[in-house]
């Protein structure tokens, strides 16, 4: 009996690796190039001390993936650096600042060479997280967890704020802490990844590109050169900006019909994609 169970589990794992339909919330085909090894992504902290525990906790949760691992580095934390949040070649950068009441809680941007991510940023908007509704551990952790995941190619499992939580930070919710809020029982917490998220990571990263665009992992020379070539283009070094006018053309909408994904062409084969998390009740022009 135990042998049969082991065979069944092994078969199931193989299906996850080869059948994306079993785990279907990748963000397009966007991924860091991977050389067949566990990919290490460096997450640079350009955050104030209030955010440090949440960034650490989110990356520790995602580090449980068998395909990705994360290490931390310090980046500039002055007001101007955090506001601009310029990308760092081959790595992820997380910033916080009072970006203004622009009706968004967080944005994640990835810079692409083809479909390969070469750098990514997450920006967390203190103009809302300083408000009583959002200034809670659950909101801070859920949004941090979600935006960092966008930076390595994961999309949402669900984009409706007002339904029962799926128990994943990749699920929109009006109450990420779970439980009863305004008379509705949201069920489990949405502060962390769930098994389906890890299945999707396995589906995305179970291949070998022959090089990696991540700098700080055991990068091949080819991978470092490719990341550097893309990042050396002036447009690739510019920050994502704070508004749709800077993010580019809308190419996707959330469950409320609001544009939440934008693309900006930066040169032949080079693009920046920005994913925005609007506040639950935001009114956004389509």
C-alpha atoms as a PDB file:
ATOM      1  CA  UNK A   1       0.000   0.000   0.000  1.00  0.00           C
ATOM      2  CA  UNK A   2       2.752   2.496   0.939  1.00  0.00           C
ATOM      3  CA  UNK A   3       4.596   1.696  -2.282  1.00  0.00           C
ATOM      4  CA  UNK A   4       1.437   2.422  -4.275  1.00  0.00           C
ATOM      5  CA  UNK A   5       1.003   5.732  -2.482  1.00  0.00           C
ATOM      6  CA  UNK A   6       4.566   6.717  -3.279  1.00  0.00           C
ATOM      7  CA  UNK A   7       4.069   5.847  -6.945  1.00  0.00           C
ATOM      8  CA  UNK A   8       0.859   7.892  -7.045  1.00  0.00           C
ATOM      9  CA  UNK A   9       2.565  10.893  -5.462  1.00  0.00           C
ATOM     10  CA  UNK A  10       5.460  10.667  -7.876  1.00  0.00           C
ATOM     11  CA  UNK A  11       3.055  10.501 -10.806  1.00  0.00           C
ATOM     12  CA  UNK A  12       1.178  13.505  -9.481  1.00  0.00           C
ATOM     13  CA  UNK A  13       4.402  15.490  -9.135  1.00  0.00           C
ATOM     14  CA  UNK A  14       5.291  14.632 -12.735  1.00  0.00           C
ATOM     15  CA  UNK A  15       1.889  15.857 -13.907  1.00  0.00           C
ATOM     16  CA  UNK A  16       2.396  19.194 -12.170  1.00  0.00           C
ATOM     17  CA  UNK A  17       5.723  19.597 -13.911  1.00  0.00           C
ATOM     18  CA  UNK A  18       4.384  18.895 -17.402  1.00  0.00           C
ATOM     19  CA  UNK A  19       0.731  19.939 -17.235  1.00  0.00           C
ATOM     20  CA  UNK A  20       0.318  23.688 -16.570  1.00  0.00           C
ATOM     21  CA  UNK A  21      -3.471  23.240 -16.524  1.00  0.00           C
ATOM     22  CA  UNK A  22      -3.126  21.787 -13.033  1.00  0.00           C
ATOM     23  CA  UNK A  23      -1.528  25.009 -11.840  1.00  0.00           C
ATOM     24  CA  UNK A  24      -2.705  27.847 -14.025  1.00  0.00           C
ATOM     25  CA  UNK A  25      -1.851  31.194 -12.531  1.00  0.00           C
ATOM     26  CA  UNK A  26       1.482  31.983 -14.122  1.00  0.00           C
ATOM     27  CA  UNK A  27       1.899  35.575 -15.280  1.00  0.00           C
ATOM     28  CA  UNK A  28       1.967  35.103 -19.021  1.00  0.00           C
ATOM     29  CA  UNK A  29       5.132  33.217 -19.950  1.00  0.00           C
ATOM     30  CA  UNK A  30       7.312  35.581 -17.945  1.00  0.00           C
ATOM     31  CA  UNK A  31      10.067  33.963 -15.905  1.00  0.00           C
ATOM     32  CA  UNK A  32      13.699  34.376 -14.954  1.00  0.00           C
ATOM     33  CA  UNK A  33      15.964  32.314 -17.183  1.00  0.00           C
ATOM     34  CA  UNK A  34      17.052  29.262 -15.202  1.00  0.00           C
ATOM     35  CA  UNK A  35      20.014  26.958 -15.756  1.00  0.00           C
ATOM     36  CA  UNK A  36      18.430  23.804 -14.362  1.00  0.00           C
ATOM     37  CA  UNK A  37      19.489  24.517 -10.798  1.00  0.00           C
ATOM     38  CA  UNK A  38      17.484  25.991  -7.944  1.00  0.00           C
ATOM     39  CA  UNK A  39      17.353  29.689  -8.785  1.00  0.00           C
ATOM     40  CA  UNK A  40      18.526  32.161  -6.159  1.00  0.00           C
ATOM     41  CA  UNK A  41      16.931  35.603  -6.393  1.00  0.00           C
ATOM     42  CA  UNK A  42      18.458  38.488  -4.483  1.00  0.00           C
ATOM     43  CA  UNK A  43      15.828  40.770  -2.919  1.00  0.00           C
ATOM     44  CA  UNK A  44      17.178  44.252  -2.203  1.00  0.00           C
ATOM     45  CA  UNK A  45      15.565  46.065   0.716  1.00  0.00           C
ATOM     46  CA  UNK A  46      14.891  49.763   0.076  1.00  0.00           C
ATOM     47  CA  UNK A  47      12.369  49.873   2.889  1.00  0.00           C
ATOM     48  CA  UNK A  48      11.956  51.565   6.242  1.00  0.00           C
ATOM     49  CA  UNK A  49      12.202  49.500   9.416  1.00  0.00           C
ATOM     50  CA  UNK A  50       8.426  49.097   9.670  1.00  0.00           C
ATOM     51  CA  UNK A  51       8.422  47.085   6.441  1.00  0.00           C
ATOM     52  CA  UNK A  52      11.517  44.971   7.040  1.00  0.00           C
ATOM     53  CA  UNK A  53       9.713  42.170   8.946  1.00  0.00           C
ATOM     54  CA  UNK A  54       7.087  41.831   6.219  1.00  0.00           C
ATOM     55  CA  UNK A  55       9.619  41.639   3.389  1.00  0.00           C
ATOM     56  CA  UNK A  56      11.625  39.084   5.375  1.00  0.00           C
ATOM     57  CA  UNK A  57       8.531  37.042   6.167  1.00  0.00           C
ATOM     58  CA  UNK A  58       7.252  37.071   2.583  1.00  0.00           C
ATOM     59  CA  UNK A  59      10.595  36.006   1.111  1.00  0.00           C
ATOM     60  CA  UNK A  60      10.935  33.290   3.782  1.00  0.00           C
ATOM     61  CA  UNK A  61       7.517  31.951   2.756  1.00  0.00           C
ATOM     62  CA  UNK A  62       8.426  31.891  -0.944  1.00  0.00           C
ATOM     63  CA  UNK A  63      11.799  30.358  -0.075  1.00  0.00           C
ATOM     64  CA  UNK A  64       9.918  27.149   0.746  1.00  0.00           C
ATOM     65  CA  UNK A  65       9.625  26.575  -2.978  1.00  0.00           C
ATOM     66  CA  UNK A  66      11.876  23.777  -4.200  1.00  0.00           C
ATOM     67  CA  UNK A  67      12.637  25.714  -7.381  1.00  0.00           C
ATOM     68  CA  UNK A  68      13.412  29.200  -6.045  1.00  0.00           C
ATOM     69  CA  UNK A  69      15.395  30.485  -3.100  1.00  0.00           C
ATOM     70  CA  UNK A  70      15.824  34.048  -1.883  1.00  0.00           C
ATOM     71  CA  UNK A  71      18.590  36.010  -0.236  1.00  0.00           C
ATOM     72  CA  UNK A  72      18.437  39.558   1.093  1.00  0.00           C
ATOM     73  CA  UNK A  73      20.628  42.570   0.406  1.00  0.00           C
ATOM     74  CA  UNK A  74      20.478  46.170   1.575  1.00  0.00           C
ATOM     75  CA  UNK A  75      19.865  48.983  -0.889  1.00  0.00           C
ATOM     76  CA  UNK A  76      19.518  52.750  -0.455  1.00  0.00           C
ATOM     77  CA  UNK A  77      16.736  53.703   1.951  1.00  0.00           C
ATOM     78  CA  UNK A  78      16.690  57.503   1.605  1.00  0.00           C
ATOM     79  CA  UNK A  79      13.375  59.065   0.592  1.00  0.00           C
ATOM     80  CA  UNK A  80      14.356  59.781  -3.011  1.00  0.00           C
ATOM     81  CA  UNK A  81      15.748  56.297  -3.659  1.00  0.00           C
ATOM     82  CA  UNK A  82      12.651  54.661  -2.215  1.00  0.00           C
ATOM     83  CA  UNK A  83      10.394  56.937  -4.255  1.00  0.00           C
ATOM     84  CA  UNK A  84      12.115  56.203  -7.575  1.00  0.00           C
ATOM     85  CA  UNK A  85      12.827  52.509  -6.825  1.00  0.00           C
ATOM     86  CA  UNK A  86      15.183  52.065  -9.754  1.00  0.00           C
ATOM     87  CA  UNK A  87      15.635  48.448 -10.850  1.00  0.00           C
ATOM     88  CA  UNK A  88      18.823  46.540 -10.101  1.00  0.00           C
ATOM     89  CA  UNK A  89      20.194  44.346 -12.872  1.00  0.00           C
ATOM     90  CA  UNK A  90      19.464  40.672 -12.351  1.00  0.00           C
ATOM     91  CA  UNK A  91      17.753  41.205  -8.995  1.00  0.00           C
ATOM     92  CA  UNK A  92      14.539  42.286  -7.258  1.00  0.00           C
ATOM     93  CA  UNK A  93      14.168  45.551  -5.355  1.00  0.00           C
ATOM     94  CA  UNK A  94      11.420  46.273  -2.803  1.00  0.00           C
ATOM     95  CA  UNK A  95      10.635  49.883  -1.847  1.00  0.00           C
ATOM     96  CA  UNK A  96       8.107  51.728   0.268  1.00  0.00           C
ATOM     97  CA  UNK A  97       7.164  55.401   0.254  1.00  0.00           C
ATOM     98  CA  UNK A  98       4.105  57.635   0.524  1.00  0.00           C
ATOM     99  CA  UNK A  99       3.500  57.546  -3.224  1.00  0.00           C
ATOM    100  CA  UNK A 100       0.268  59.526  -2.947  1.00  0.00           C
ATOM    101  CA  UNK A 101      -3.432  58.667  -2.868  1.00  0.00           C
ATOM    102  CA  UNK A 102      -3.386  57.129  -6.321  1.00  0.00           C
ATOM    103  CA  UNK A 103      -5.884  54.386  -5.323  1.00  0.00           C
ATOM    104  CA  UNK A 104      -3.227  51.641  -5.433  1.00  0.00           C
ATOM    105  CA  UNK A 105      -1.708  49.690  -2.565  1.00  0.00           C
ATOM    106  CA  UNK A 106       1.220  48.196  -4.421  1.00  0.00           C
ATOM    107  CA  UNK A 107       2.753  47.746  -7.849  1.00  0.00           C
ATOM    108  CA  UNK A 108       5.141  45.168  -9.219  1.00  0.00           C
ATOM    109  CA  UNK A 109       7.152  45.754 -12.375  1.00  0.00           C
ATOM    110  CA  UNK A 110       9.291  43.354 -14.370  1.00  0.00           C
ATOM    111  CA  UNK A 111      11.684  44.189 -17.176  1.00  0.00           C
ATOM    112  CA  UNK A 112      11.804  41.594 -19.940  1.00  0.00           C
ATOM    113  CA  UNK A 113      14.242  40.528 -22.608  1.00  0.00           C
ATOM    114  CA  UNK A 114      11.957  38.359 -24.708  1.00  0.00           C
ATOM    115  CA  UNK A 115       9.989  36.453 -22.072  1.00  0.00           C
ATOM    116  CA  UNK A 116      12.874  36.362 -19.621  1.00  0.00           C
ATOM    117  CA  UNK A 117      12.749  38.602 -16.561  1.00  0.00           C
ATOM    118  CA  UNK A 118      16.020  40.487 -16.098  1.00  0.00           C
ATOM    119  CA  UNK A 119      15.041  42.687 -13.112  1.00  0.00           C
ATOM    120  CA  UNK A 120      11.998  43.469 -10.987  1.00  0.00           C
ATOM    121  CA  UNK A 121      10.680  45.976  -8.461  1.00  0.00           C
ATOM    122  CA  UNK A 122       7.917  46.074  -5.861  1.00  0.00           C
ATOM    123  CA  UNK A 123       6.560  49.375  -4.528  1.00  0.00           C
ATOM    124  CA  UNK A 124       4.370  49.568  -1.402  1.00  0.00           C
ATOM    125  CA  UNK A 125       2.282  52.707  -0.960  1.00  0.00           C
ATOM    126  CA  UNK A 126       2.434  54.149   2.560  1.00  0.00           C
ATOM    127  CA  UNK A 127      -0.207  56.713   1.654  1.00  0.00           C
ATOM    128  CA  UNK A 128      -2.654  53.836   2.241  1.00  0.00           C
ATOM    129  CA  UNK A 129      -0.739  51.605   4.624  1.00  0.00           C
ATOM    130  CA  UNK A 130      -0.656  54.477   7.112  1.00  0.00           C
ATOM    131  CA  UNK A 131      -4.484  54.472   7.121  1.00  0.00           C
ATOM    132  CA  UNK A 132      -6.223  52.450   9.876  1.00  0.00           C
ATOM    133  CA  UNK A 133      -7.892  50.057   7.422  1.00  0.00           C
ATOM    134  CA  UNK A 134      -4.635  48.960   5.767  1.00  0.00           C
ATOM    135  CA  UNK A 135      -2.189  49.520   8.624  1.00  0.00           C
ATOM    136  CA  UNK A 136      -2.492  45.919   9.825  1.00  0.00           C
ATOM    137  CA  UNK A 137      -0.071  42.976   9.713  1.00  0.00           C
ATOM    138  CA  UNK A 138      -2.442  41.037   7.448  1.00  0.00           C
ATOM    139  CA  UNK A 139      -2.734  43.745   4.777  1.00  0.00           C
ATOM    140  CA  UNK A 140       0.986  44.517   4.853  1.00  0.00           C
ATOM    141  CA  UNK A 141       2.065  40.884   4.591  1.00  0.00           C
ATOM    142  CA  UNK A 142      -0.532  39.876   1.988  1.00  0.00           C
ATOM    143  CA  UNK A 143       0.342  42.710  -0.397  1.00  0.00           C
ATOM    144  CA  UNK A 144       4.110  42.267   0.093  1.00  0.00           C
ATOM    145  CA  UNK A 145       3.794  38.526  -0.531  1.00  0.00           C
ATOM    146  CA  UNK A 146       1.751  39.110  -3.700  1.00  0.00           C
ATOM    147  CA  UNK A 147       3.877  41.839  -5.256  1.00  0.00           C
ATOM    148  CA  UNK A 148       7.155  39.961  -4.760  1.00  0.00           C
ATOM    149  CA  UNK A 149       5.560  36.922  -6.386  1.00  0.00           C
ATOM    150  CA  UNK A 150       4.715  38.993  -9.460  1.00  0.00           C
ATOM    151  CA  UNK A 151       8.422  39.790  -9.679  1.00  0.00           C
ATOM    152  CA  UNK A 152       9.185  36.128 -10.364  1.00  0.00           C
ATOM    153  CA  UNK A 153       6.246  35.467 -12.697  1.00  0.00           C
ATOM    154  CA  UNK A 154       3.289  34.413 -10.551  1.00  0.00           C
ATOM    155  CA  UNK A 155      -0.175  35.856 -11.179  1.00  0.00           C
ATOM    156  CA  UNK A 156      -3.388  35.844  -9.117  1.00  0.00           C
ATOM    157  CA  UNK A 157      -5.480  32.786  -8.379  1.00  0.00           C
ATOM    158  CA  UNK A 158      -8.602  34.963  -8.093  1.00  0.00           C
ATOM    159  CA  UNK A 159      -9.274  38.680  -8.621  1.00  0.00           C
ATOM    160  CA  UNK A 160     -12.594  39.208  -6.825  1.00  0.00           C
ATOM    161  CA  UNK A 161     -12.295  41.048  -3.532  1.00  0.00           C
ATOM    162  CA  UNK A 162     -15.649  40.111  -1.998  1.00  0.00           C
ATOM    163  CA  UNK A 163     -15.692  36.299  -2.073  1.00  0.00           C
ATOM    164  CA  UNK A 164     -14.319  33.642   0.289  1.00  0.00           C
ATOM    165  CA  UNK A 165     -10.529  33.613   0.589  1.00  0.00           C
ATOM    166  CA  UNK A 166      -8.533  30.823  -1.042  1.00  0.00           C
ATOM    167  CA  UNK A 167      -5.861  30.864   1.649  1.00  0.00           C
ATOM    168  CA  UNK A 168      -3.288  32.409  -0.696  1.00  0.00           C
ATOM    169  CA  UNK A 169      -1.712  35.841  -0.948  1.00  0.00           C
ATOM    170  CA  UNK A 170      -2.288  35.480  -4.708  1.00  0.00           C
ATOM    171  CA  UNK A 171      -6.039  35.884  -4.092  1.00  0.00           C
ATOM    172  CA  UNK A 172      -7.594  39.348  -3.914  1.00  0.00           C
ATOM    173  CA  UNK A 173      -9.540  39.944  -0.717  1.00  0.00           C
ATOM    174  CA  UNK A 174     -11.276  42.734   1.169  1.00  0.00           C
ATOM    175  CA  UNK A 175     -10.141  41.011   4.362  1.00  0.00           C
ATOM    176  CA  UNK A 176      -6.794  39.207   3.954  1.00  0.00           C
ATOM    177  CA  UNK A 177      -6.742  38.320   7.665  1.00  0.00           C
ATOM    178  CA  UNK A 178      -9.709  36.011   7.079  1.00  0.00           C
ATOM    179  CA  UNK A 179     -12.735  35.569   9.320  1.00  0.00           C
ATOM    180  CA  UNK A 180     -15.757  37.851   9.561  1.00  0.00           C
ATOM    181  CA  UNK A 181     -15.569  41.410   8.210  1.00  0.00           C
ATOM    182  CA  UNK A 182     -18.616  43.640   7.637  1.00  0.00           C
ATOM    183  CA  UNK A 183     -20.903  40.676   8.263  1.00  0.00           C
ATOM    184  CA  UNK A 184     -19.254  38.325   5.731  1.00  0.00           C
ATOM    185  CA  UNK A 185     -17.092  35.344   6.650  1.00  0.00           C
ATOM    186  CA  UNK A 186     -14.024  35.423   4.409  1.00  0.00           C
ATOM    187  CA  UNK A 187     -12.732  32.101   5.695  1.00  0.00           C
ATOM    188  CA  UNK A 188      -8.959  31.467   5.820  1.00  0.00           C
ATOM    189  CA  UNK A 189      -6.162  34.021   5.886  1.00  0.00           C
ATOM    190  CA  UNK A 190      -4.707  35.225   2.572  1.00  0.00           C
ATOM    191  CA  UNK A 191      -1.378  36.319   4.040  1.00  0.00           C
ATOM    192  CA  UNK A 192       0.844  33.529   2.690  1.00  0.00           C
ATOM    193  CA  UNK A 193       1.309  31.208  -0.305  1.00  0.00           C
ATOM    194  CA  UNK A 194      -0.635  27.955  -0.508  1.00  0.00           C
ATOM    195  CA  UNK A 195       0.150  24.606  -2.130  1.00  0.00           C
ATOM    196  CA  UNK A 196      -1.308  25.685  -5.474  1.00  0.00           C
ATOM    197  CA  UNK A 197       1.173  28.582  -5.596  1.00  0.00           C
ATOM    198  CA  UNK A 198       4.085  26.204  -5.100  1.00  0.00           C
ATOM    199  CA  UNK A 199       2.697  23.869  -7.768  1.00  0.00           C
ATOM    200  CA  UNK A 200       2.623  26.787 -10.193  1.00  0.00           C
ATOM    201  CA  UNK A 201       6.217  27.733  -9.381  1.00  0.00           C
ATOM    202  CA  UNK A 202       7.211  24.150 -10.135  1.00  0.00           C
ATOM    203  CA  UNK A 203       5.369  24.296 -13.461  1.00  0.00           C
ATOM    204  CA  UNK A 204       7.092  27.566 -14.414  1.00  0.00           C
ATOM    205  CA  UNK A 205      10.629  26.645 -13.374  1.00  0.00           C
ATOM    206  CA  UNK A 206      10.906  22.927 -14.189  1.00  0.00           C
ATOM    207  CA  UNK A 207      13.057  23.457 -17.279  1.00  0.00           C
ATOM    208  CA  UNK A 208      16.570  24.463 -18.270  1.00  0.00           C
ATOM    209  CA  UNK A 209      17.234  27.599 -20.341  1.00  0.00           C
ATOM    210  CA  UNK A 210      20.954  26.862 -20.286  1.00  0.00           C
ATOM    211  CA  UNK A 211      21.688  30.150 -18.507  1.00  0.00           C
ATOM    212  CA  UNK A 212      20.172  32.429 -15.899  1.00  0.00           C
ATOM    213  CA  UNK A 213      19.279  36.111 -15.924  1.00  0.00           C
ATOM    214  CA  UNK A 214      19.524  36.296 -12.117  1.00  0.00           C
ATOM    215  CA  UNK A 215      22.695  37.951 -10.838  1.00  0.00           C
ATOM    216  CA  UNK A 216      23.752  36.697  -7.434  1.00  0.00           C
ATOM    217  CA  UNK A 217      22.876  33.081  -8.117  1.00  0.00           C
ATOM    218  CA  UNK A 218      25.393  30.669  -9.630  1.00  0.00           C
ATOM    219  CA  UNK A 219      25.035  32.589 -12.879  1.00  0.00           C
ATOM    220  CA  UNK A 220      26.794  31.461 -16.021  1.00  0.00           C
ATOM    221  CA  UNK A 221      28.820  34.109 -17.814  1.00  0.00           C
ATOM    222  CA  UNK A 222      26.287  34.001 -20.639  1.00  0.00           C
ATOM    223  CA  UNK A 223      23.441  34.672 -18.233  1.00  0.00           C
ATOM    224  CA  UNK A 224      25.200  37.620 -16.639  1.00  0.00           C
ATOM    225  CA  UNK A 225      26.010  39.091 -20.045  1.00  0.00           C
ATOM    226  CA  UNK A 226      22.401  38.744 -21.189  1.00  0.00           C
ATOM    227  CA  UNK A 227      21.037  40.458 -18.080  1.00  0.00           C
ATOM    228  CA  UNK A 228      23.661  43.166 -18.376  1.00  0.00           C
ATOM    229  CA  UNK A 229      23.002  43.752 -22.063  1.00  0.00           C
ATOM    230  CA  UNK A 230      19.309  44.334 -21.437  1.00  0.00           C
ATOM    231  CA  UNK A 231      19.851  46.502 -18.382  1.00  0.00           C
ATOM    232  CA  UNK A 232      22.463  48.625 -20.157  1.00  0.00           C
ATOM    233  CA  UNK A 233      19.752  50.073 -22.410  1.00  0.00           C
ATOM    234  CA  UNK A 234      18.901  53.483 -20.866  1.00  0.00           C
ATOM    235  CA  UNK A 235      15.148  52.827 -20.908  1.00  0.00           C
ATOM    236  CA  UNK A 236      15.701  49.582 -18.986  1.00  0.00           C
ATOM    237  CA  UNK A 237      17.313  51.450 -16.093  1.00  0.00           C
ATOM    238  CA  UNK A 238      14.422  53.901 -15.655  1.00  0.00           C
ATOM    239  CA  UNK A 239      11.991  53.340 -12.754  1.00  0.00           C
ATOM    240  CA  UNK A 240       8.461  52.155 -13.457  1.00  0.00           C
ATOM    241  CA  UNK A 241       6.762  55.368 -12.351  1.00  0.00           C
ATOM    242  CA  UNK A 242       3.645  55.876 -10.279  1.00  0.00           C
ATOM    243  CA  UNK A 243       0.714  56.211 -12.685  1.00  0.00           C
ATOM    244  CA  UNK A 244      -0.858  54.491 -15.707  1.00  0.00           C
ATOM    245  CA  UNK A 245       0.501  57.227 -17.961  1.00  0.00           C
ATOM    246  CA  UNK A 246       4.012  56.051 -17.030  1.00  0.00           C
ATOM    247  CA  UNK A 247       3.214  52.318 -17.043  1.00  0.00           C
ATOM    248  CA  UNK A 248       2.185  52.262 -20.694  1.00  0.00           C
ATOM    249  CA  UNK A 249      -0.666  50.520 -22.476  1.00  0.00           C
ATOM    250  CA  UNK A 250      -3.278  48.575 -20.506  1.00  0.00           C
ATOM    251  CA  UNK A 251      -3.295  44.883 -21.472  1.00  0.00           C
ATOM    252  CA  UNK A 252      -5.320  43.278 -18.668  1.00  0.00           C
ATOM    253  CA  UNK A 253      -8.154  43.911 -16.211  1.00  0.00           C
ATOM    254  CA  UNK A 254      -8.994  42.594 -12.750  1.00  0.00           C
ATOM    255  CA  UNK A 255     -12.220  40.923 -11.610  1.00  0.00           C
ATOM    256  CA  UNK A 256     -13.878  44.347 -11.315  1.00  0.00           C
ATOM    257  CA  UNK A 257     -13.040  45.333 -14.883  1.00  0.00           C
ATOM    258  CA  UNK A 258     -10.300  47.767 -13.846  1.00  0.00           C
ATOM    259  CA  UNK A 259      -7.081  47.871 -15.896  1.00  0.00           C
ATOM    260  CA  UNK A 260      -4.429  46.255 -13.707  1.00  0.00           C
ATOM    261  CA  UNK A 261      -1.693  45.204 -16.126  1.00  0.00           C
ATOM    262  CA  UNK A 262       0.291  47.525 -18.361  1.00  0.00           C
ATOM    263  CA  UNK A 263       3.088  47.157 -20.913  1.00  0.00           C
ATOM    264  CA  UNK A 264       5.657  49.677 -22.078  1.00  0.00           C
ATOM    265  CA  UNK A 265       7.872  48.876 -25.049  1.00  0.00           C
ATOM    266  CA  UNK A 266      11.483  49.835 -24.358  1.00  0.00           C
ATOM    267  CA  UNK A 267      13.280  48.684 -27.471  1.00  0.00           C
ATOM    268  CA  UNK A 268      13.532  45.652 -29.775  1.00  0.00           C
ATOM    269  CA  UNK A 269      12.583  42.643 -27.659  1.00  0.00           C
ATOM    270  CA  UNK A 270      12.587  44.721 -24.456  1.00  0.00           C
ATOM    271  CA  UNK A 271       9.488  45.508 -22.393  1.00  0.00           C
ATOM    272  CA  UNK A 272       8.394  46.525 -18.933  1.00  0.00           C
ATOM    273  CA  UNK A 273       5.229  44.962 -17.516  1.00  0.00           C
ATOM    274  CA  UNK A 274       3.568  46.529 -14.467  1.00  0.00           C
ATOM    275  CA  UNK A 275       0.939  44.860 -12.291  1.00  0.00           C
ATOM    276  CA  UNK A 276      -1.070  47.141  -9.965  1.00  0.00           C
ATOM    277  CA  UNK A 277      -3.087  46.199  -6.883  1.00  0.00           C
ATOM    278  CA  UNK A 278      -5.878  48.747  -6.578  1.00  0.00           C
ATOM    279  CA  UNK A 279      -7.660  49.346  -3.286  1.00  0.00           C
ATOM    280  CA  UNK A 280     -10.847  47.205  -3.140  1.00  0.00           C
ATOM    281  CA  UNK A 281     -13.210  50.130  -3.688  1.00  0.00           C
ATOM    282  CA  UNK A 282     -11.093  52.146  -6.132  1.00  0.00           C
ATOM    283  CA  UNK A 283     -12.832  53.657  -9.154  1.00  0.00           C
ATOM    284  CA  UNK A 284     -10.433  53.427 -12.058  1.00  0.00           C
ATOM    285  CA  UNK A 285     -11.048  54.669 -15.592  1.00  0.00           C
ATOM    286  CA  UNK A 286     -11.052  51.830 -18.121  1.00  0.00           C
END
